[in-house]
Amino acid sequence: MSNYPEKTCSVERLVTVPADVQKVLNGEKTATRRNGVYAYPGEIMVLEGKEFKVDKLYAQTLGELTDEDAKREGYANLEQYKQSILALHPKMPWIPKMSVWVHEFSPVEK
């Protein structure tokens, strides 16, 4: 394990919004951003009986996000992703310097 901070939550809480769970199961979402560490690389997330392995964990600022990042989150573009996040967290401002933890994952092949 690298020099990651202590987890602030558990892998079970990584993807919980039903629409996002569906996107992961459909292969449309391969990353999620959180304000803390929810899983380390190698950990397994189980959604509706299917396993997904956390492949990468890294910090990124909101200002660094690209349309490609938004697509990995399951959105058409950055603006759509931003509006979705602000709708989920109505009091949260979008601060480009704010740092988040990116968790990238892929399905575990059986």
C-alpha atoms as a PDB file:
ATOM      1  CA  MET A   1       0.000   0.000   0.000  1.00  0.00           C
ATOM      2  CA  SER A   2       1.169   3.504  -0.803  1.00  0.00           C
ATOM      3  CA  ASN A   3       1.061   6.525   1.478  1.00  0.00           C
ATOM      4  CA  TYR A   4      -2.717   6.856   1.489  1.00  0.00           C
ATOM      5  CA  PRO A   5      -4.471   8.542   4.375  1.00  0.00           C
ATOM      6  CA  GLU A   6      -6.669   6.587   6.737  1.00  0.00           C
ATOM      7  CA  LYS A   7     -10.054   5.650   5.300  1.00  0.00           C
ATOM      8  CA  THR A   8     -12.924   7.978   6.213  1.00  0.00           C
ATOM      9  CA  CYS A   9     -15.586   5.461   5.188  1.00  0.00           C
ATOM     10  CA  SER A  10     -15.841   1.875   3.960  1.00  0.00           C
ATOM     11  CA  VAL A  11     -15.891   0.348   0.485  1.00  0.00           C
ATOM     12  CA  GLU A  12     -19.586  -0.558   0.984  1.00  0.00           C
ATOM     13  CA  ARG A  13     -20.414   3.171   0.918  1.00  0.00           C
ATOM     14  CA  LEU A  14     -18.385   3.943  -2.227  1.00  0.00           C
ATOM     15  CA  VAL A  15     -21.318   3.810  -4.688  1.00  0.00           C
ATOM     16  CA  THR A  16     -24.760   3.990  -3.071  1.00  0.00           C
ATOM     17  CA  VAL A  17     -27.009   6.197  -5.237  1.00  0.00           C
ATOM     18  CA  PRO A  18     -29.304   3.745  -7.096  1.00  0.00           C
ATOM     19  CA  ALA A  19     -28.799   5.457 -10.485  1.00  0.00           C
ATOM     20  CA  ASP A  20     -25.014   5.278  -9.997  1.00  0.00           C
ATOM     21  CA  VAL A  21     -25.173   1.611  -8.974  1.00  0.00           C
ATOM     22  CA  GLN A  22     -27.033   0.934 -12.236  1.00  0.00           C
ATOM     23  CA  LYS A  23     -24.385   2.859 -14.220  1.00  0.00           C
ATOM     24  CA  VAL A  24     -21.626   0.736 -12.647  1.00  0.00           C
ATOM     25  CA  LEU A  25     -23.517  -2.497 -13.366  1.00  0.00           C
ATOM     26  CA  ASN A  26     -24.047  -1.355 -16.995  1.00  0.00           C
ATOM     27  CA  GLY A  27     -20.352  -0.492 -17.418  1.00  0.00           C
ATOM     28  CA  GLU A  28     -21.076   3.239 -17.836  1.00  0.00           C
ATOM     29  CA  LYS A  29     -19.384   4.306 -14.585  1.00  0.00           C
ATOM     30  CA  THR A  30     -15.828   3.233 -13.765  1.00  0.00           C
ATOM     31  CA  ALA A  31     -14.837   5.922 -11.253  1.00  0.00           C
ATOM     32  CA  THR A  32     -16.273   7.824  -8.337  1.00  0.00           C
ATOM     33  CA  ARG A  33     -15.024  10.856  -6.454  1.00  0.00           C
ATOM     34  CA  ARG A  34     -15.371  11.311  -2.705  1.00  0.00           C
ATOM     35  CA  ASN A  35     -14.092  13.895  -0.251  1.00  0.00           C
ATOM     36  CA  GLY A  36     -12.383  11.082   1.666  1.00  0.00           C
ATOM     37  CA  VAL A  37     -10.837   7.673   1.094  1.00  0.00           C
ATOM     38  CA  TYR A  38     -13.488   4.916   0.961  1.00  0.00           C
ATOM     39  CA  ALA A  39     -11.362   2.085  -0.456  1.00  0.00           C
ATOM     40  CA  TYR A  40      -7.755   1.232  -1.195  1.00  0.00           C
ATOM     41  CA  PRO A  41      -6.570  -0.348  -4.458  1.00  0.00           C
ATOM     42  CA  GLY A  42      -7.262  -4.070  -4.422  1.00  0.00           C
ATOM     43  CA  GLU A  43     -10.403  -3.801  -2.284  1.00  0.00           C
ATOM     44  CA  ILE A  44     -13.595  -5.324  -3.643  1.00  0.00           C
ATOM     45  CA  MET A  45     -16.919  -3.500  -3.873  1.00  0.00           C
ATOM     46  CA  VAL A  46     -20.012  -5.686  -4.273  1.00  0.00           C
ATOM     47  CA  LEU A  47     -23.076  -4.257  -6.047  1.00  0.00           C
ATOM     48  CA  GLU A  48     -26.112  -6.508  -6.468  1.00  0.00           C
ATOM     49  CA  GLY A  49     -23.892  -9.580  -6.160  1.00  0.00           C
ATOM     50  CA  LYS A  50     -21.338  -8.413  -8.755  1.00  0.00           C
ATOM     51  CA  GLU A  51     -17.769  -7.678  -7.703  1.00  0.00           C
ATOM     52  CA  PHE A  52     -15.725  -4.642  -8.727  1.00  0.00           C
ATOM     53  CA  LYS A  53     -12.064  -4.173  -7.814  1.00  0.00           C
ATOM     54  CA  VAL A  54     -10.670  -0.772  -6.914  1.00  0.00           C
ATOM     55  CA  ASP A  55      -7.784  -0.330  -9.360  1.00  0.00           C
ATOM     56  CA  LYS A  56      -6.549   3.180  -8.580  1.00  0.00           C
ATOM     57  CA  LEU A  57      -6.841   5.796  -5.852  1.00  0.00           C
ATOM     58  CA  TYR A  58      -5.530   9.335  -6.297  1.00  0.00           C
ATOM     59  CA  ALA A  59      -6.246  12.921  -5.313  1.00  0.00           C
ATOM     60  CA  GLN A  60      -7.537  15.455  -7.827  1.00  0.00           C
ATOM     61  CA  THR A  61      -8.930  18.973  -7.560  1.00  0.00           C
ATOM     62  CA  LEU A  62     -12.356  19.800  -8.957  1.00  0.00           C
ATOM     63  CA  GLY A  63     -10.647  22.301 -11.262  1.00  0.00           C
ATOM     64  CA  GLU A  64      -8.611  19.463 -12.844  1.00  0.00           C
ATOM     65  CA  LEU A  65     -11.691  17.502 -13.917  1.00  0.00           C
ATOM     66  CA  THR A  66     -12.132  16.974 -17.658  1.00  0.00           C
ATOM     67  CA  ASP A  67     -14.970  15.739 -19.862  1.00  0.00           C
ATOM     68  CA  GLU A  68     -13.139  12.363 -19.918  1.00  0.00           C
ATOM     69  CA  ASP A  69     -13.268  12.226 -16.105  1.00  0.00           C
ATOM     70  CA  ALA A  70     -16.997  13.015 -16.240  1.00  0.00           C
ATOM     71  CA  LYS A  71     -17.514  10.167 -18.742  1.00  0.00           C
ATOM     72  CA  ARG A  72     -15.797   7.736 -16.323  1.00  0.00           C
ATOM     73  CA  GLU A  73     -18.298   8.983 -13.728  1.00  0.00           C
ATOM     74  CA  GLY A  74     -21.129   8.055 -16.108  1.00  0.00           C
ATOM     75  CA  TYR A  75     -21.987  11.515 -17.454  1.00  0.00           C
ATOM     76  CA  ALA A  76     -21.906  12.943 -20.982  1.00  0.00           C
ATOM     77  CA  ASN A  77     -19.656  15.860 -20.024  1.00  0.00           C
ATOM     78  CA  LEU A  78     -18.186  17.842 -17.145  1.00  0.00           C
ATOM     79  CA  GLU A  79     -21.085  20.309 -16.921  1.00  0.00           C
ATOM     80  CA  GLN A  80     -23.611  17.469 -16.562  1.00  0.00           C
ATOM     81  CA  TYR A  81     -21.481  15.868 -13.832  1.00  0.00           C
ATOM     82  CA  LYS A  82     -21.078  19.196 -12.019  1.00  0.00           C
ATOM     83  CA  GLN A  83     -24.850  19.856 -12.060  1.00  0.00           C
ATOM     84  CA  SER A  84     -25.502  16.349 -10.734  1.00  0.00           C
ATOM     85  CA  ILE A  85     -23.057  16.803  -7.836  1.00  0.00           C
ATOM     86  CA  LEU A  86     -24.478  20.214  -6.933  1.00  0.00           C
ATOM     87  CA  ALA A  87     -28.010  18.759  -7.006  1.00  0.00           C
ATOM     88  CA  LEU A  88     -26.928  15.981  -4.606  1.00  0.00           C
ATOM     89  CA  HIS A  89     -25.176  18.473  -2.297  1.00  0.00           C
ATOM     90  CA  PRO A  90     -27.264  21.680  -2.541  1.00  0.00           C
ATOM     91  CA  LYS A  91     -25.202  23.676  -0.012  1.00  0.00           C
ATOM     92  CA  MET A  92     -21.831  22.681  -1.464  1.00  0.00           C
ATOM     93  CA  PRO A  93     -20.077  25.255  -3.610  1.00  0.00           C
ATOM     94  CA  TRP A  94     -18.052  24.031  -6.608  1.00  0.00           C
ATOM     95  CA  ILE A  95     -14.565  25.152  -5.616  1.00  0.00           C
ATOM     96  CA  PRO A  96     -11.930  24.406  -8.279  1.00  0.00           C
ATOM     97  CA  LYS A  97      -9.176  24.131  -5.618  1.00  0.00           C
ATOM     98  CA  MET A  98     -11.164  21.589  -3.563  1.00  0.00           C
ATOM     99  CA  SER A  99      -9.420  18.230  -3.529  1.00  0.00           C
ATOM    100  CA  VAL A 100     -11.294  14.934  -3.854  1.00  0.00           C
ATOM    101  CA  TRP A 101     -10.220  11.284  -3.877  1.00  0.00           C
ATOM    102  CA  VAL A 102     -10.747   9.455  -7.152  1.00  0.00           C
ATOM    103  CA  HIS A 103     -11.530   5.742  -6.867  1.00  0.00           C
ATOM    104  CA  GLU A 104     -11.286   3.910 -10.220  1.00  0.00           C
ATOM    105  CA  PHE A 105     -12.687   0.384 -10.436  1.00  0.00           C
ATOM    106  CA  SER A 106     -13.360  -2.447 -12.860  1.00  0.00           C
ATOM    107  CA  PRO A 107     -15.475  -5.615 -12.841  1.00  0.00           C
ATOM    108  CA  VAL A 108     -13.877  -8.713 -11.366  1.00  0.00           C
ATOM    109  CA  GLU A 109     -13.852 -11.397 -14.045  1.00  0.00           C
ATOM    110  CA  LYS A 110     -14.916 -14.782 -12.707  1.00  0.00           C
END
